[in-house]
Protein backbone atom coordinates (compact mmCIF):
# COMPACT_ATOMS: atom_id res chain seq x y z
CA MET A 1 -21.07 33.13 -33.55
CA GLU A 2 -24.05 34.40 -35.52
CA LEU A 3 -22.71 37.94 -35.29
CA VAL A 4 -19.38 36.86 -36.74
CA LYS A 5 -21.10 35.01 -39.59
CA ASN A 6 -23.02 38.17 -40.52
CA LEU A 7 -19.91 40.33 -40.91
CA ASP A 8 -18.90 40.61 -44.56
CA PHE A 9 -15.18 41.07 -43.95
CA ILE A 10 -14.77 37.84 -41.95
CA THR A 11 -14.51 34.44 -43.60
CA ILE A 12 -14.89 31.29 -41.58
CA GLN A 13 -12.90 28.27 -42.67
CA PRO A 14 -14.27 24.78 -42.20
CA GLU A 15 -12.95 23.16 -39.03
CA ASN A 16 -11.17 20.35 -40.86
CA THR A 17 -9.21 22.88 -42.94
CA VAL A 18 -8.07 24.71 -39.83
CA LYS A 19 -7.01 21.45 -38.16
CA LYS A 20 -5.03 20.44 -41.25
CA GLN A 21 -3.23 23.79 -41.24
CA GLN A 22 -2.44 23.50 -37.54
CA LEU A 23 -1.07 19.98 -37.97
CA LYS A 24 1.03 21.14 -40.92
CA HIS A 25 2.54 23.98 -38.85
CA ILE A 26 3.25 21.63 -35.95
CA ALA A 27 4.95 19.16 -38.30
CA GLU A 28 7.06 21.94 -39.82
CA GLY A 29 8.08 23.10 -36.34
CA MET A 30 9.04 19.59 -35.31
CA GLN A 31 11.07 19.13 -38.48
CA SER A 32 12.90 22.40 -37.76
CA ALA A 33 13.60 21.24 -34.20
CA VAL A 34 15.05 17.96 -35.46
CA LEU A 35 17.24 19.73 -38.01
CA ALA A 36 18.44 22.20 -35.38
CA SER A 37 19.32 19.40 -32.97
CA GLN A 38 21.29 17.70 -35.74
CA GLY A 39 23.13 20.96 -36.44
CA LYS A 40 21.85 21.18 -40.00
CA ILE A 41 20.17 24.55 -39.46
CA LYS A 42 21.02 27.37 -37.10
CA SER A 43 18.73 27.89 -34.13
CA ARG A 44 18.43 30.91 -31.89
CA SER A 45 18.18 31.29 -28.16
CA ALA A 46 14.88 31.64 -26.33
CA LYS A 47 16.06 35.04 -25.09
CA SER A 48 16.55 36.23 -28.67
CA PHE A 49 13.12 34.94 -29.63
CA LEU A 50 11.42 36.63 -26.66
CA ASN A 51 13.21 39.91 -27.31
CA GLU A 52 11.73 39.91 -30.80
CA LEU A 53 8.22 39.74 -29.36
């Protein structure tokens, strides 16, 4: 970790900021899943998603 801290081009975010961002992304994903199950937004198949990777 000390090596990473000494590199100028890397910034380390406080842990609480990272957790907040992760929770925000999870909440957005869950909201999208709910909307897709209600038919309010269009979803795509898992095969389509994996082909994009």
